[in-house]
């Protein structure tokens, strides 16, 4: 007697739908750092940590030790590692990684954590002050100082 052919029933795999996490809408800040002359970069103490130093080292293709020596200083009064500073015609001193001609951060993508988090509020007080002064002076490039 001839062998019966077995009937093959295809199995369809039904994928279980993956629940996508809802992303919270990122609110745009009420300020534009690109139009600011770097006020927060002029703070006397821009504290950084070892992770920030490692990020800078990777950015510049140097060792962590070299990055720490070139770009940081130890603040004895605060007992903290901070960014070195350079002379600035508007704020007297500013972060060593700030381009004083272009008025922007030279390592924006690799900037320290404290810079990434600033400001913690929805608006920047200096930016509000700056926008007001630029409007009053009728000069969109006016740099207002606080001293």
Protein backbone atom coordinates (compact mmCIF):
# COMPACT_ATOMS: atom_id res chain seq x y z
CA UNK A 1 0.00 0.00 0.00
CA UNK A 2 1.39 3.43 -0.89
CA UNK A 3 2.48 5.70 1.99
CA UNK A 4 0.15 8.53 2.77
CA UNK A 5 1.50 12.01 2.35
CA UNK A 6 1.49 13.89 5.57
CA UNK A 7 -0.27 17.16 5.41
CA UNK A 8 1.92 20.01 6.69
CA UNK A 9 0.09 22.80 8.37
CA UNK A 10 2.12 26.00 8.37
CA UNK A 11 2.49 27.64 11.72
CA UNK A 12 2.04 31.35 11.75
CA UNK A 13 3.94 33.11 14.43
CA UNK A 14 1.96 35.92 15.85
CA UNK A 15 4.20 38.53 17.30
CA UNK A 16 3.09 39.91 20.57
CA UNK A 17 2.92 43.66 20.20
CA UNK A 18 5.66 45.37 22.12
CA UNK A 19 4.40 48.19 24.21
CA UNK A 20 6.34 51.29 23.43
CA UNK A 21 7.21 53.52 26.30
CA UNK A 22 5.66 56.90 25.96
CA UNK A 23 8.29 59.55 25.77
CA UNK A 24 7.70 62.65 27.72
CA UNK A 25 7.60 65.70 25.54
CA UNK A 26 10.77 67.67 25.98
CA UNK A 27 9.87 71.25 26.63
CA UNK A 28 12.00 73.72 24.81
CA UNK A 29 13.59 76.18 27.16
CA UNK A 30 12.51 79.80 27.08
CA UNK A 31 16.00 80.92 26.13
CA UNK A 32 18.57 80.34 23.39
CA UNK A 33 22.10 79.61 24.58
CA UNK A 34 23.32 80.24 21.04
CA UNK A 35 22.46 83.92 21.47
CA UNK A 36 24.14 84.24 24.86
CA UNK A 37 27.72 85.49 25.28
CA UNK A 38 28.47 82.72 27.80
CA UNK A 39 27.45 84.16 31.13
CA UNK A 40 27.26 80.78 32.90
CA UNK A 41 30.73 79.98 31.52
CA UNK A 42 32.05 82.94 33.51
CA UNK A 43 31.06 81.55 36.91
CA UNK A 44 34.04 81.54 39.30
CA UNK A 45 33.63 77.82 39.96
CA UNK A 46 32.55 75.35 37.31
CA UNK A 47 32.87 72.13 39.25
CA UNK A 48 33.56 68.92 37.33
CA UNK A 49 34.14 65.27 38.18
CA UNK A 50 36.26 62.37 36.97
CA UNK A 51 33.64 61.37 34.39
CA UNK A 52 33.76 64.86 32.89
CA UNK A 53 37.55 64.68 32.72
CA UNK A 54 37.34 61.31 30.95
CA UNK A 55 34.87 62.80 28.44
CA UNK A 56 37.22 65.72 27.74
CA UNK A 57 40.18 63.33 27.39
CA UNK A 58 38.27 61.29 24.82
CA UNK A 59 37.23 64.46 22.97
CA UNK A 60 40.83 65.66 22.67
CA UNK A 61 42.37 62.19 22.21
CA UNK A 62 44.59 62.52 25.28
CA UNK A 63 44.92 60.72 28.59
CA UNK A 64 42.74 61.53 31.57
CA UNK A 65 45.83 62.76 33.39
CA UNK A 66 46.70 65.13 30.54
CA UNK A 67 43.13 66.45 30.39
CA UNK A 68 43.06 67.01 34.14
CA UNK A 69 46.38 68.88 34.04
CA UNK A 70 45.46 71.07 31.03
CA UNK A 71 41.84 71.92 31.72
CA UNK A 72 41.23 71.70 35.46
CA UNK A 73 42.36 73.21 38.73
CA UNK A 74 41.77 72.30 42.34
CA UNK A 75 39.78 74.85 44.30
CA UNK A 76 41.02 74.63 47.89
CA UNK A 77 38.21 76.68 49.42
CA UNK A 78 35.51 74.50 47.83
CA UNK A 79 37.61 71.31 47.94
CA UNK A 80 36.56 70.59 44.37
CA UNK A 81 37.98 70.06 40.90
CA UNK A 82 36.99 72.95 38.64
CA UNK A 83 37.53 74.11 35.08
CA UNK A 84 40.52 76.38 34.52
CA UNK A 85 39.71 79.90 33.39
CA UNK A 86 41.07 82.37 30.86
CA UNK A 87 40.86 86.13 30.46
CA UNK A 88 37.70 87.56 28.92
CA UNK A 89 36.97 91.14 27.88
CA UNK A 90 33.34 90.99 28.99
CA UNK A 91 33.33 88.93 32.17
CA UNK A 92 37.02 89.28 33.20
CA UNK A 93 37.45 85.48 33.36
CA UNK A 94 35.68 82.63 31.60
CA UNK A 95 36.02 78.84 31.13
CA UNK A 96 39.23 77.81 29.37
CA UNK A 97 37.18 75.84 26.83
CA UNK A 98 35.14 78.86 25.75
CA UNK A 99 35.95 80.57 22.43
CA UNK A 100 36.06 84.25 23.38
CA UNK A 101 35.82 85.47 19.76
CA UNK A 102 32.89 83.31 18.65
CA UNK A 103 31.33 83.43 22.14
CA UNK A 104 30.60 79.72 22.27
CA UNK A 105 31.76 76.49 23.88
CA UNK A 106 34.50 74.70 21.95
CA UNK A 107 33.55 71.28 23.35
CA UNK A 108 29.77 71.56 23.40
CA UNK A 109 29.15 67.87 22.62
CA UNK A 110 31.67 66.86 25.30
CA UNK A 111 30.89 69.55 27.86
CA UNK A 112 30.86 68.72 31.57
CA UNK A 113 27.72 67.45 33.27
CA UNK A 114 27.10 70.68 35.17
CA UNK A 115 27.02 72.54 31.85
CA UNK A 116 24.62 69.99 30.38
CA UNK A 117 22.22 70.49 33.28
CA UNK A 118 22.34 74.29 33.36
CA UNK A 119 20.04 76.01 33.91
CA UNK A 120 17.80 73.78 35.96
CA UNK A 121 14.89 76.19 35.64
CA UNK A 122 12.64 76.70 32.62
CA UNK A 123 14.27 80.02 31.96
CA UNK A 124 17.68 81.59 32.39
CA UNK A 125 17.72 84.80 34.42
CA UNK A 126 20.73 86.14 32.54
CA UNK A 127 19.12 85.41 29.18
CA UNK A 128 16.00 87.31 30.24
CA UNK A 129 18.19 90.22 31.38
CA UNK A 130 20.22 90.07 28.15
CA UNK A 131 17.12 90.00 25.92
CA UNK A 132 15.73 93.03 27.77
CA UNK A 133 19.00 94.98 27.46
CA UNK A 134 19.42 94.12 23.77
CA UNK A 135 15.88 95.34 23.14
CA UNK A 136 16.53 98.56 25.10
CA UNK A 137 19.83 99.19 23.31
CA UNK A 138 18.32 98.21 19.94
CA UNK A 139 21.42 96.09 19.41
CA UNK A 140 20.97 92.31 18.95
CA UNK A 141 24.67 91.70 19.74
CA UNK A 142 24.91 93.87 22.84
CA UNK A 143 26.63 92.10 25.74
CA UNK A 144 25.20 93.09 29.08
CA UNK A 145 27.36 92.51 32.12
CA UNK A 146 26.14 92.23 35.64
CA UNK A 147 28.95 94.19 37.28
